[in-house]
N, C-alpha and C. Protein backbone atom coordinates (compact mmCIF):
# COMPACT_ATOMS: atom_id res chain seq x y z
N GLY A 1 -4.34 7.88 -9.87
CA GLY A 1 -3.41 6.78 -9.84
C GLY A 1 -3.43 5.97 -11.13
N LEU A 2 -4.62 5.67 -11.65
CA LEU A 2 -4.74 4.88 -12.87
C LEU A 2 -4.15 5.62 -14.05
N LEU A 3 -4.48 6.90 -14.20
CA LEU A 3 -3.94 7.69 -15.30
C LEU A 3 -2.43 7.87 -15.15
N GLY A 4 -1.97 8.06 -13.90
CA GLY A 4 -0.53 8.18 -13.66
C GLY A 4 0.20 6.90 -14.01
N GLY A 5 -0.41 5.75 -13.67
CA GLY A 5 0.20 4.47 -13.98
C GLY A 5 0.30 4.24 -15.48
N LEU A 6 -0.74 4.60 -16.23
CA LEU A 6 -0.72 4.42 -17.68
C LEU A 6 0.29 5.36 -18.33
N ALA A 7 0.36 6.60 -17.81
CA ALA A 7 1.34 7.55 -18.35
C ALA A 7 2.77 7.11 -18.04
N TYR A 8 2.96 6.54 -16.84
CA TYR A 8 4.29 6.08 -16.44
C TYR A 8 4.70 4.83 -17.20
N LEU A 9 3.70 4.10 -17.71
CA LEU A 9 3.99 2.89 -18.48
C LEU A 9 4.68 3.23 -19.80
N GLU A 10 4.37 4.40 -20.36
CA GLU A 10 4.94 4.77 -21.67
C GLU A 10 6.46 4.83 -21.68
N PRO A 11 7.11 5.56 -20.74
CA PRO A 11 8.59 5.52 -20.76
C PRO A 11 9.14 4.14 -20.47
N GLY A 12 8.39 3.32 -19.71
CA GLY A 12 8.84 1.96 -19.43
C GLY A 12 8.89 1.11 -20.69
N LEU A 13 7.93 1.31 -21.59
CA LEU A 13 7.90 0.54 -22.82
C LEU A 13 8.85 1.11 -23.87
N LEU A 14 9.16 2.39 -23.76
CA LEU A 14 10.13 2.99 -24.68
C LEU A 14 11.56 2.64 -24.29
N ILE A 15 11.83 2.63 -22.98
CA ILE A 15 13.17 2.29 -22.47
C ILE A 15 13.03 1.01 -21.65
N LYS A 16 13.17 -0.13 -22.29
CA LYS A 16 12.91 -1.41 -21.64
C LYS A 16 14.13 -1.87 -20.84
N THR A 17 14.47 -1.07 -19.84
CA THR A 17 15.58 -1.38 -18.95
C THR A 17 15.10 -1.25 -17.51
N SER A 18 15.38 -2.26 -16.70
CA SER A 18 14.95 -2.22 -15.30
C SER A 18 15.62 -1.07 -14.56
N GLY A 19 14.92 -0.54 -13.57
CA GLY A 19 15.48 0.57 -12.80
C GLY A 19 14.51 1.69 -12.55
N GLY A 20 13.42 1.72 -13.30
CA GLY A 20 12.40 2.73 -13.06
C GLY A 20 12.89 4.15 -13.26
N GLU A 21 12.62 5.02 -12.28
CA GLU A 21 12.96 6.45 -12.40
C GLU A 21 14.45 6.67 -12.60
N TYR A 22 15.27 5.82 -11.97
CA TYR A 22 16.72 5.96 -12.13
C TYR A 22 17.11 5.86 -13.60
N THR A 23 16.57 4.87 -14.29
CA THR A 23 16.90 4.66 -15.70
C THR A 23 16.44 5.83 -16.56
N TYR A 24 15.24 6.34 -16.29
CA TYR A 24 14.69 7.41 -17.13
C TYR A 24 15.43 8.72 -16.91
N LEU A 25 15.73 9.05 -15.65
CA LEU A 25 16.48 10.28 -15.39
C LEU A 25 17.91 10.19 -15.92
N LYS A 26 18.50 9.02 -15.80
CA LYS A 26 19.86 8.82 -16.33
C LYS A 26 19.87 8.97 -17.85
N TYR A 27 18.86 8.43 -18.50
CA TYR A 27 18.76 8.52 -19.96
C TYR A 27 18.52 9.95 -20.41
N ALA A 28 17.70 10.70 -19.65
CA ALA A 28 17.32 12.05 -20.08
C ALA A 28 18.34 13.11 -19.66
N TYR A 29 18.92 12.98 -18.45
CA TYR A 29 19.75 14.05 -17.91
C TYR A 29 21.17 13.63 -17.56
N GLY A 30 21.49 12.35 -17.72
CA GLY A 30 22.85 11.92 -17.46
C GLY A 30 23.01 11.17 -16.16
N ASN A 31 24.24 10.65 -15.95
CA ASN A 31 24.53 9.80 -14.80
C ASN A 31 24.38 10.53 -13.47
N ARG A 32 24.73 11.81 -13.43
CA ARG A 32 24.71 12.55 -12.16
C ARG A 32 23.30 12.62 -11.60
N CYS A 33 22.32 12.92 -12.45
CA CYS A 33 20.93 13.02 -11.99
C CYS A 33 20.41 11.66 -11.53
N GLY A 34 20.77 10.60 -12.26
CA GLY A 34 20.36 9.27 -11.85
C GLY A 34 20.98 8.87 -10.52
N TYR A 35 22.25 9.26 -10.30
CA TYR A 35 22.92 8.95 -9.05
C TYR A 35 22.27 9.68 -7.88
N ILE A 36 21.89 10.94 -8.08
CA ILE A 36 21.24 11.71 -7.01
C ILE A 36 19.93 11.05 -6.61
N LEU A 37 19.15 10.60 -7.61
CA LEU A 37 17.90 9.93 -7.31
C LEU A 37 18.14 8.65 -6.52
N SER A 38 19.12 7.85 -6.95
CA SER A 38 19.44 6.61 -6.23
C SER A 38 19.88 6.91 -4.80
N PHE A 39 20.66 7.96 -4.63
CA PHE A 39 21.13 8.37 -3.31
C PHE A 39 19.94 8.71 -2.40
N ILE A 40 18.97 9.46 -2.95
CA ILE A 40 17.78 9.84 -2.17
C ILE A 40 16.94 8.62 -1.83
N TYR A 41 16.80 7.72 -2.79
CA TYR A 41 16.03 6.51 -2.56
C TYR A 41 16.65 5.65 -1.45
N ILE A 42 17.97 5.44 -1.53
CA ILE A 42 18.63 4.53 -0.61
C ILE A 42 18.68 5.10 0.81
N LEU A 43 18.94 6.40 0.93
CA LEU A 43 19.14 6.99 2.26
C LEU A 43 17.89 7.63 2.86
N VAL A 44 16.90 7.95 2.03
CA VAL A 44 15.74 8.69 2.55
C VAL A 44 14.42 7.95 2.29
N LEU A 45 14.02 7.86 1.02
CA LEU A 45 12.67 7.44 0.70
C LEU A 45 12.38 6.00 1.10
N ARG A 46 13.21 5.06 0.67
CA ARG A 46 12.95 3.65 0.98
C ARG A 46 13.04 3.36 2.48
N PRO A 47 14.07 3.85 3.19
CA PRO A 47 14.10 3.61 4.65
C PRO A 47 12.90 4.19 5.39
N ILE A 48 12.48 5.40 4.98
CA ILE A 48 11.33 6.02 5.65
C ILE A 48 10.07 5.20 5.40
N GLY A 49 9.89 4.76 4.15
CA GLY A 49 8.72 3.93 3.84
C GLY A 49 8.72 2.63 4.63
N ALA A 50 9.89 1.99 4.74
CA ALA A 50 9.99 0.75 5.51
C ALA A 50 9.70 1.00 7.00
N CYS A 51 10.19 2.12 7.53
CA CYS A 51 9.95 2.45 8.94
C CYS A 51 8.47 2.69 9.21
N ILE A 52 7.81 3.41 8.32
CA ILE A 52 6.38 3.69 8.51
C ILE A 52 5.59 2.39 8.52
N MET A 53 5.88 1.50 7.57
CA MET A 53 5.15 0.23 7.51
C MET A 53 5.45 -0.63 8.73
N ALA A 54 6.72 -0.65 9.17
CA ALA A 54 7.09 -1.48 10.33
C ALA A 54 6.42 -0.96 11.60
N VAL A 55 6.43 0.35 11.80
CA VAL A 55 5.81 0.92 13.00
C VAL A 55 4.30 0.69 12.99
N THR A 56 3.67 0.88 11.83
CA THR A 56 2.23 0.65 11.73
C THR A 56 1.89 -0.80 12.01
N PHE A 57 2.66 -1.72 11.43
CA PHE A 57 2.44 -3.14 11.68
C PHE A 57 2.64 -3.48 13.15
N SER A 58 3.65 -2.87 13.77
CA SER A 58 3.90 -3.11 15.19
C SER A 58 2.73 -2.65 16.06
N GLU A 59 2.17 -1.48 15.73
CA GLU A 59 1.05 -0.97 16.49
C GLU A 59 -0.17 -1.89 16.38
N TYR A 60 -0.44 -2.35 15.17
CA TYR A 60 -1.57 -3.27 14.99
C TYR A 60 -1.32 -4.59 15.69
N LEU A 61 -0.09 -5.08 15.61
CA LEU A 61 0.23 -6.37 16.22
C LEU A 61 0.10 -6.31 17.74
N ILE A 62 0.60 -5.22 18.34
CA ILE A 62 0.52 -5.09 19.79
C ILE A 62 -0.91 -4.85 20.25
N SER A 63 -1.71 -4.18 19.41
CA SER A 63 -3.10 -3.93 19.77
C SER A 63 -3.91 -5.22 19.88
N ILE A 64 -3.45 -6.27 19.19
CA ILE A 64 -4.12 -7.57 19.32
C ILE A 64 -3.86 -8.17 20.70
N ILE A 65 -2.66 -7.93 21.22
CA ILE A 65 -2.26 -8.50 22.50
C ILE A 65 -2.83 -7.72 23.67
N THR A 66 -2.73 -6.38 23.60
CA THR A 66 -3.20 -5.54 24.69
C THR A 66 -3.79 -4.24 24.14
N GLU A 67 -4.78 -3.71 24.84
CA GLU A 67 -5.40 -2.44 24.43
C GLU A 67 -4.69 -1.24 25.04
N GLU A 68 -3.75 -1.48 25.95
CA GLU A 68 -3.02 -0.39 26.58
C GLU A 68 -1.96 0.18 25.63
N THR A 69 -1.73 1.47 25.75
CA THR A 69 -0.69 2.11 24.96
C THR A 69 0.65 1.92 25.66
N LEU A 70 1.55 1.22 25.02
CA LEU A 70 2.84 0.92 25.61
C LEU A 70 3.85 2.03 25.33
N ASP A 71 5.00 1.94 25.97
CA ASP A 71 6.06 2.91 25.73
C ASP A 71 6.52 2.84 24.28
N HIS A 72 6.89 3.98 23.70
CA HIS A 72 7.23 4.01 22.28
C HIS A 72 8.46 3.17 21.96
N TYR A 73 9.29 2.89 22.98
CA TYR A 73 10.46 2.05 22.74
C TYR A 73 10.06 0.61 22.38
N VAL A 74 8.93 0.16 22.87
CA VAL A 74 8.45 -1.18 22.55
C VAL A 74 8.13 -1.27 21.06
N TYR A 75 7.41 -0.27 20.55
CA TYR A 75 7.09 -0.25 19.12
C TYR A 75 8.37 -0.09 18.29
N PHE A 76 9.30 0.71 18.80
CA PHE A 76 10.56 0.94 18.10
C PHE A 76 11.36 -0.36 17.96
N LEU A 77 11.48 -1.10 19.07
CA LEU A 77 12.25 -2.35 19.04
C LEU A 77 11.58 -3.40 18.16
N LEU A 78 10.26 -3.52 18.25
CA LEU A 78 9.55 -4.48 17.42
C LEU A 78 9.68 -4.13 15.94
N SER A 79 9.65 -2.83 15.63
CA SER A 79 9.83 -2.39 14.24
C SER A 79 11.20 -2.77 13.72
N LEU A 80 12.23 -2.59 14.56
CA LEU A 80 13.59 -2.98 14.17
C LEU A 80 13.67 -4.48 13.89
N VAL A 81 13.04 -5.28 14.74
CA VAL A 81 13.05 -6.73 14.54
C VAL A 81 12.38 -7.09 13.21
N LEU A 82 11.26 -6.45 12.91
CA LEU A 82 10.56 -6.73 11.66
C LEU A 82 11.39 -6.34 10.45
N ILE A 83 12.04 -5.18 10.51
CA ILE A 83 12.86 -4.73 9.38
C ILE A 83 14.05 -5.65 9.16
N TRP A 84 14.73 -6.01 10.25
CA TRP A 84 15.88 -6.90 10.12
C TRP A 84 15.46 -8.29 9.66
N PHE A 85 14.33 -8.77 10.14
CA PHE A 85 13.85 -10.09 9.73
C PHE A 85 13.56 -10.12 8.24
N SER A 86 12.83 -9.11 7.74
CA SER A 86 12.52 -9.08 6.31
C SER A 86 13.79 -8.90 5.47
N THR A 87 14.76 -8.13 5.99
CA THR A 87 16.02 -7.95 5.27
C THR A 87 16.79 -9.26 5.17
N ILE A 88 16.88 -9.99 6.27
CA ILE A 88 17.61 -11.26 6.28
C ILE A 88 16.94 -12.28 5.37
N VAL A 89 15.59 -12.31 5.37
CA VAL A 89 14.88 -13.25 4.50
C VAL A 89 15.15 -12.94 3.03
N ASN A 90 15.13 -11.65 2.67
CA ASN A 90 15.40 -11.26 1.27
C ASN A 90 16.84 -11.57 0.88
N MET A 91 17.77 -11.39 1.81
CA MET A 91 19.17 -11.71 1.52
C MET A 91 19.39 -13.21 1.39
N TYR A 92 18.67 -13.99 2.19
CA TYR A 92 18.87 -15.44 2.20
C TYR A 92 18.29 -16.10 0.95
N SER A 93 17.05 -15.73 0.59
CA SER A 93 16.41 -16.37 -0.55
C SER A 93 15.30 -15.48 -1.10
N THR A 94 15.42 -15.10 -2.36
CA THR A 94 14.36 -14.33 -3.00
C THR A 94 13.12 -15.20 -3.22
N ASP A 95 13.32 -16.51 -3.36
CA ASP A 95 12.18 -17.40 -3.55
C ASP A 95 11.31 -17.45 -2.30
N ILE A 96 11.94 -17.55 -1.12
CA ILE A 96 11.19 -17.53 0.13
C ILE A 96 10.50 -16.18 0.31
N SER A 97 11.20 -15.10 -0.05
CA SER A 97 10.61 -13.77 0.06
C SER A 97 9.38 -13.64 -0.83
N LEU A 98 9.46 -14.17 -2.06
CA LEU A 98 8.32 -14.10 -2.97
C LEU A 98 7.14 -14.91 -2.44
N LYS A 99 7.42 -16.09 -1.89
CA LYS A 99 6.35 -16.90 -1.32
C LYS A 99 5.71 -16.21 -0.12
N GLY A 100 6.55 -15.53 0.69
CA GLY A 100 6.02 -14.78 1.82
C GLY A 100 5.12 -13.63 1.38
N GLN A 101 5.53 -12.91 0.35
CA GLN A 101 4.71 -11.83 -0.18
C GLN A 101 3.39 -12.35 -0.71
N THR A 102 3.43 -13.49 -1.40
CA THR A 102 2.20 -14.09 -1.93
C THR A 102 1.27 -14.51 -0.79
N PHE A 103 1.85 -15.09 0.27
CA PHE A 103 1.05 -15.49 1.43
C PHE A 103 0.36 -14.30 2.07
N PHE A 104 1.11 -13.22 2.30
CA PHE A 104 0.52 -12.03 2.93
C PHE A 104 -0.50 -11.37 2.02
N LEU A 105 -0.28 -11.44 0.70
CA LEU A 105 -1.26 -10.87 -0.24
C LEU A 105 -2.60 -11.58 -0.11
N TYR A 106 -2.59 -12.90 -0.14
CA TYR A 106 -3.84 -13.65 -0.03
C TYR A 106 -4.45 -13.50 1.36
N SER A 107 -3.60 -13.35 2.38
CA SER A 107 -4.12 -13.12 3.73
C SER A 107 -4.87 -11.79 3.81
N LYS A 108 -4.29 -10.76 3.20
CA LYS A 108 -4.95 -9.45 3.20
C LYS A 108 -6.27 -9.49 2.43
N LEU A 109 -6.27 -10.18 1.29
CA LEU A 109 -7.50 -10.28 0.51
C LEU A 109 -8.56 -11.06 1.27
N LEU A 110 -8.16 -12.11 2.00
CA LEU A 110 -9.12 -12.88 2.80
C LEU A 110 -9.71 -12.03 3.91
N LEU A 111 -8.87 -11.27 4.63
CA LEU A 111 -9.37 -10.39 5.69
C LEU A 111 -10.28 -9.31 5.13
N ALA A 112 -9.90 -8.74 3.97
CA ALA A 112 -10.75 -7.73 3.34
C ALA A 112 -12.10 -8.32 2.97
N ALA A 113 -12.11 -9.55 2.45
CA ALA A 113 -13.36 -10.21 2.09
C ALA A 113 -14.25 -10.44 3.31
N LEU A 114 -13.64 -10.84 4.44
CA LEU A 114 -14.41 -11.05 5.66
C LEU A 114 -15.04 -9.75 6.15
N ILE A 115 -14.28 -8.65 6.08
CA ILE A 115 -14.82 -7.35 6.51
C ILE A 115 -15.96 -6.93 5.60
N ILE A 116 -15.78 -7.10 4.29
CA ILE A 116 -16.81 -6.69 3.33
C ILE A 116 -18.08 -7.52 3.51
N ILE A 117 -17.92 -8.83 3.67
CA ILE A 117 -19.09 -9.71 3.86
C ILE A 117 -19.82 -9.36 5.16
N SER A 118 -19.07 -9.08 6.22
CA SER A 118 -19.69 -8.69 7.49
C SER A 118 -20.45 -7.38 7.35
N GLY A 119 -19.85 -6.41 6.61
CA GLY A 119 -20.53 -5.13 6.41
C GLY A 119 -21.80 -5.27 5.60
N ILE A 120 -21.76 -6.10 4.56
CA ILE A 120 -22.96 -6.33 3.75
C ILE A 120 -24.04 -7.01 4.59
N SER A 121 -23.62 -7.96 5.43
CA SER A 121 -24.58 -8.64 6.31
C SER A 121 -25.23 -7.66 7.28
N ALA A 122 -24.43 -6.71 7.81
CA ALA A 122 -24.99 -5.70 8.72
C ALA A 122 -25.95 -4.78 7.98
N ALA A 123 -25.59 -4.43 6.73
CA ALA A 123 -26.46 -3.54 5.95
C ALA A 123 -27.79 -4.21 5.61
N LEU A 124 -27.76 -5.53 5.41
CA LEU A 124 -28.99 -6.26 5.08
C LEU A 124 -29.80 -6.62 6.32
N GLY A 125 -29.28 -6.29 7.51
CA GLY A 125 -30.01 -6.55 8.75
C GLY A 125 -29.75 -7.91 9.34
N ILE A 126 -28.81 -8.66 8.76
CA ILE A 126 -28.49 -9.98 9.32
C ILE A 126 -27.83 -9.81 10.68
N PHE A 127 -26.92 -8.80 10.77
CA PHE A 127 -26.32 -8.44 12.05
C PHE A 127 -26.85 -7.09 12.46
N LYS A 128 -27.01 -6.88 13.78
CA LYS A 128 -27.49 -5.59 14.27
C LYS A 128 -26.34 -4.60 14.35
N SER A 129 -26.59 -3.38 13.94
CA SER A 129 -25.56 -2.34 13.98
C SER A 129 -26.11 -1.11 14.67
N ASN A 130 -25.28 -0.48 15.49
CA ASN A 130 -25.68 0.74 16.20
C ASN A 130 -25.13 1.99 15.54
N ASN A 131 -24.56 1.83 14.36
CA ASN A 131 -23.93 2.97 13.71
C ASN A 131 -24.92 3.85 12.96
N PHE A 132 -26.18 3.45 12.88
CA PHE A 132 -27.19 4.27 12.22
C PHE A 132 -28.25 4.67 13.23
N ASN A 133 -28.27 5.95 13.53
CA ASN A 133 -29.29 6.50 14.41
C ASN A 133 -30.12 7.49 13.61
N ASP A 134 -31.40 7.17 13.44
CA ASP A 134 -32.29 7.99 12.61
C ASP A 134 -31.73 8.15 11.20
N GLY A 135 -31.12 7.08 10.71
CA GLY A 135 -30.62 7.12 9.33
C GLY A 135 -29.28 7.80 9.17
N TYR A 136 -28.71 8.30 10.24
CA TYR A 136 -27.41 9.01 10.13
C TYR A 136 -26.32 8.19 10.79
N PRO A 137 -25.25 7.89 10.07
CA PRO A 137 -24.18 7.06 10.65
C PRO A 137 -23.50 7.75 11.83
N SER A 138 -23.53 7.09 12.99
CA SER A 138 -22.89 7.68 14.17
C SER A 138 -21.37 7.71 14.04
N VAL A 139 -20.82 6.93 13.10
CA VAL A 139 -19.36 6.93 12.93
C VAL A 139 -18.86 8.27 12.42
N TRP A 140 -19.75 9.10 11.88
CA TRP A 140 -19.34 10.41 11.37
C TRP A 140 -19.49 11.52 12.40
N GLU A 141 -20.03 11.18 13.57
CA GLU A 141 -20.22 12.20 14.59
C GLU A 141 -18.87 12.73 15.06
N GLY A 142 -18.78 14.04 15.19
CA GLY A 142 -17.54 14.66 15.64
C GLY A 142 -16.53 14.89 14.53
N SER A 143 -16.84 14.44 13.30
CA SER A 143 -15.91 14.66 12.20
C SER A 143 -16.03 16.09 11.69
N THR A 144 -14.97 16.58 11.09
CA THR A 144 -14.94 17.94 10.57
C THR A 144 -14.55 17.92 9.10
N LEU A 145 -15.04 18.89 8.37
CA LEU A 145 -14.75 19.00 6.94
C LEU A 145 -13.97 20.28 6.70
N THR A 146 -12.66 20.15 6.70
CA THR A 146 -11.78 21.29 6.45
C THR A 146 -10.81 20.96 5.33
N LEU A 147 -10.16 21.98 4.79
CA LEU A 147 -9.23 21.77 3.69
C LEU A 147 -8.03 20.90 4.12
N SER A 148 -7.58 21.12 5.36
CA SER A 148 -6.43 20.33 5.83
C SER A 148 -6.79 18.86 5.97
N HIS A 149 -8.01 18.56 6.47
CA HIS A 149 -8.43 17.17 6.61
C HIS A 149 -8.63 16.53 5.23
N ILE A 150 -9.17 17.29 4.28
CA ILE A 150 -9.34 16.76 2.93
C ILE A 150 -7.99 16.46 2.30
N ALA A 151 -7.01 17.36 2.50
CA ALA A 151 -5.67 17.14 1.95
C ALA A 151 -5.02 15.90 2.57
N ARG A 152 -5.17 15.74 3.89
CA ARG A 152 -4.60 14.56 4.55
C ARG A 152 -5.25 13.28 4.03
N ALA A 153 -6.57 13.32 3.78
CA ALA A 153 -7.26 12.14 3.25
C ALA A 153 -6.75 11.79 1.85
N ILE A 154 -6.53 12.83 1.03
CA ILE A 154 -6.04 12.60 -0.33
C ILE A 154 -4.64 12.00 -0.30
N TYR A 155 -3.76 12.56 0.53
CA TYR A 155 -2.40 12.03 0.62
C TYR A 155 -2.38 10.63 1.22
N GLY A 156 -3.30 10.35 2.14
CA GLY A 156 -3.41 8.99 2.66
C GLY A 156 -3.83 8.00 1.59
N GLY A 157 -4.70 8.45 0.69
CA GLY A 157 -5.10 7.60 -0.43
C GLY A 157 -3.97 7.40 -1.42
N LEU A 158 -3.16 8.43 -1.64
CA LEU A 158 -2.03 8.29 -2.56
C LEU A 158 -1.05 7.23 -2.08
N TRP A 159 -0.87 7.12 -0.78
CA TRP A 159 0.02 6.09 -0.23
C TRP A 159 -0.50 4.71 -0.61
N THR A 160 -1.81 4.53 -0.57
CA THR A 160 -2.42 3.24 -0.87
C THR A 160 -2.24 2.86 -2.33
N TYR A 161 -2.36 3.84 -3.22
CA TYR A 161 -2.34 3.55 -4.66
C TYR A 161 -1.00 3.89 -5.29
N ASP A 162 0.07 3.83 -4.53
CA ASP A 162 1.37 4.30 -5.01
C ASP A 162 2.20 3.22 -5.68
N ALA A 163 1.76 1.97 -5.62
CA ALA A 163 2.62 0.87 -6.09
C ALA A 163 2.73 0.78 -7.60
N TRP A 164 1.95 1.56 -8.34
CA TRP A 164 2.00 1.45 -9.80
C TRP A 164 3.37 1.80 -10.36
N ASN A 165 4.15 2.62 -9.66
CA ASN A 165 5.47 2.99 -10.19
C ASN A 165 6.53 1.94 -9.89
N SER A 166 6.15 0.85 -9.23
CA SER A 166 7.12 -0.21 -8.93
C SER A 166 7.24 -1.23 -10.06
N LEU A 167 6.25 -1.27 -10.96
CA LEU A 167 6.26 -2.27 -12.01
C LEU A 167 7.44 -2.09 -12.97
N ASN A 168 7.77 -0.85 -13.27
CA ASN A 168 8.84 -0.60 -14.24
C ASN A 168 10.23 -0.95 -13.72
N PHE A 169 10.35 -1.16 -12.42
CA PHE A 169 11.66 -1.52 -11.87
C PHE A 169 12.13 -2.89 -12.34
N MET A 170 11.19 -3.76 -12.74
CA MET A 170 11.54 -5.12 -13.14
C MET A 170 11.04 -5.44 -14.54
N ILE A 171 11.02 -4.44 -15.40
CA ILE A 171 10.43 -4.62 -16.73
C ILE A 171 11.19 -5.63 -17.58
N GLU A 172 12.48 -5.78 -17.33
CA GLU A 172 13.26 -6.75 -18.10
C GLU A 172 12.91 -8.19 -17.76
N GLU A 173 12.33 -8.41 -16.58
CA GLU A 173 12.00 -9.76 -16.14
C GLU A 173 10.57 -10.16 -16.49
N ILE A 174 9.79 -9.24 -17.06
CA ILE A 174 8.38 -9.50 -17.35
C ILE A 174 8.23 -9.92 -18.81
N PRO A 175 7.65 -11.09 -19.08
CA PRO A 175 7.42 -11.48 -20.47
C PRO A 175 6.31 -10.64 -21.11
N SER A 176 6.51 -10.26 -22.34
CA SER A 176 5.54 -9.45 -23.09
C SER A 176 5.08 -8.24 -22.28
N PRO A 177 6.01 -7.33 -21.93
CA PRO A 177 5.62 -6.19 -21.07
C PRO A 177 4.57 -5.30 -21.69
N GLU A 178 4.53 -5.19 -23.02
CA GLU A 178 3.50 -4.35 -23.65
C GLU A 178 2.10 -4.80 -23.27
N ARG A 179 1.92 -6.10 -23.15
CA ARG A 179 0.60 -6.62 -22.81
C ARG A 179 0.42 -6.78 -21.30
N ASN A 180 1.39 -7.37 -20.63
CA ASN A 180 1.22 -7.73 -19.22
C ASN A 180 1.25 -6.52 -18.29
N LEU A 181 2.15 -5.54 -18.55
CA LEU A 181 2.19 -4.35 -17.70
C LEU A 181 0.90 -3.55 -17.81
N LYS A 182 0.40 -3.44 -19.02
CA LYS A 182 -0.85 -2.71 -19.24
C LYS A 182 -2.00 -3.38 -18.49
N LYS A 183 -2.07 -4.71 -18.57
CA LYS A 183 -3.12 -5.43 -17.85
C LYS A 183 -2.97 -5.28 -16.35
N ALA A 184 -1.73 -5.34 -15.88
CA ALA A 184 -1.49 -5.24 -14.44
C ALA A 184 -1.98 -3.91 -13.89
N ILE A 185 -1.71 -2.82 -14.61
CA ILE A 185 -2.13 -1.50 -14.13
C ILE A 185 -3.64 -1.32 -14.25
N ILE A 186 -4.21 -1.72 -15.39
CA ILE A 186 -5.63 -1.52 -15.62
C ILE A 186 -6.47 -2.35 -14.65
N TYR A 187 -6.03 -3.56 -14.33
CA TYR A 187 -6.81 -4.43 -13.46
C TYR A 187 -6.55 -4.17 -11.97
N SER A 188 -5.30 -3.86 -11.63
CA SER A 188 -4.95 -3.78 -10.20
C SER A 188 -5.51 -2.53 -9.53
N LEU A 189 -5.31 -1.36 -10.12
CA LEU A 189 -5.73 -0.13 -9.46
C LEU A 189 -7.24 -0.04 -9.25
N PRO A 190 -8.07 -0.31 -10.27
CA PRO A 190 -9.52 -0.30 -10.00
C PRO A 190 -9.92 -1.35 -8.95
N SER A 191 -9.24 -2.50 -8.95
CA SER A 191 -9.55 -3.54 -7.96
C SER A 191 -9.26 -3.04 -6.55
N VAL A 192 -8.12 -2.37 -6.36
CA VAL A 192 -7.76 -1.83 -5.05
C VAL A 192 -8.75 -0.75 -4.63
N ILE A 193 -9.15 0.10 -5.56
CA ILE A 193 -10.12 1.16 -5.26
C ILE A 193 -11.44 0.57 -4.80
N ILE A 194 -11.93 -0.44 -5.52
CA ILE A 194 -13.20 -1.07 -5.16
C ILE A 194 -13.11 -1.74 -3.79
N ILE A 195 -12.01 -2.45 -3.54
CA ILE A 195 -11.86 -3.14 -2.25
C ILE A 195 -11.85 -2.14 -1.10
N TYR A 196 -11.11 -1.03 -1.24
CA TYR A 196 -11.03 -0.03 -0.18
C TYR A 196 -12.37 0.67 0.03
N LEU A 197 -13.09 0.94 -1.05
CA LEU A 197 -14.40 1.57 -0.91
C LEU A 197 -15.37 0.65 -0.17
N LEU A 198 -15.35 -0.63 -0.54
CA LEU A 198 -16.24 -1.59 0.13
C LEU A 198 -15.88 -1.75 1.60
N ILE A 199 -14.59 -1.73 1.92
CA ILE A 199 -14.17 -1.83 3.32
C ILE A 199 -14.67 -0.63 4.12
N ASN A 200 -14.55 0.58 3.54
CA ASN A 200 -15.02 1.78 4.23
C ASN A 200 -16.53 1.76 4.41
N VAL A 201 -17.25 1.34 3.39
CA VAL A 201 -18.72 1.22 3.50
C VAL A 201 -19.08 0.20 4.56
N SER A 202 -18.34 -0.91 4.60
CA SER A 202 -18.60 -1.95 5.59
C SER A 202 -18.35 -1.45 7.00
N ALA A 203 -17.29 -0.63 7.17
CA ALA A 203 -17.00 -0.06 8.49
C ALA A 203 -18.13 0.83 8.96
N ILE A 204 -18.78 1.54 8.04
CA ILE A 204 -19.90 2.41 8.40
C ILE A 204 -21.13 1.56 8.77
N CYS A 205 -21.30 0.44 8.08
CA CYS A 205 -22.49 -0.39 8.31
C CYS A 205 -22.43 -1.17 9.61
N PHE A 206 -21.21 -1.34 10.19
CA PHE A 206 -21.11 -2.11 11.42
C PHE A 206 -21.77 -1.37 12.58
C-alpha cells in the first residue's frame, strides 16, 4: 500500500488536475477510456463500496441492540436509510459532511485507543485473560492455514489500506501538493498499519 501510494503520487504531481484515475486515463488514452472508467465508478464500484460499508455498519449497530440474528430485510432497510442520510447531508452542506467525517475519525481513533490500552493491560496482567492456555492463544483454536484463507486475509487488508488513491481526486484543492501529499501518504499508511496490528494483538491478549 505504501509503495503503491508513492508510485500513484507521481502521476498526480505530473498532472495536477483533480479527478484521479479518470484524469490520467483520459490524458493517456483519450476521452472514451476516461468515460468508461467514470461509468464503471458511478454504476458499479462506488455503489458497491457504499453498500458494503452500510451493511457492515448496520450489522454492528444492530448487534449492540440485540444478539439475535434478524431478518436480512432489517439490515437492508437500515442500510438504505444510512446511504440516503449520508447522501442528503452531502447534498445539503459539504461543511457539515466534513465535520461529520472529522467527528467519526476521532471517534474511531478513540475506540481504537481504548481497545489497544485494554489489550496492553491484559498482557501486563492488570486484567485477567482466558485466551492463553499453556502459552497458546485459544483465539487461534480451530483456525486453518490454507491458500484461500491467506488470499482472503490479504484482500481484506487491501480494503483497509485502499484510501491512498483518493488523495489525487482533490489535488487542485491541496496547497503545496508536492509536500503535503507526500507527507499524507508516508504518515497515514504506516499509522494505519500500526493501529491495526496493535488492535489485533490486543484482541489476542483479551
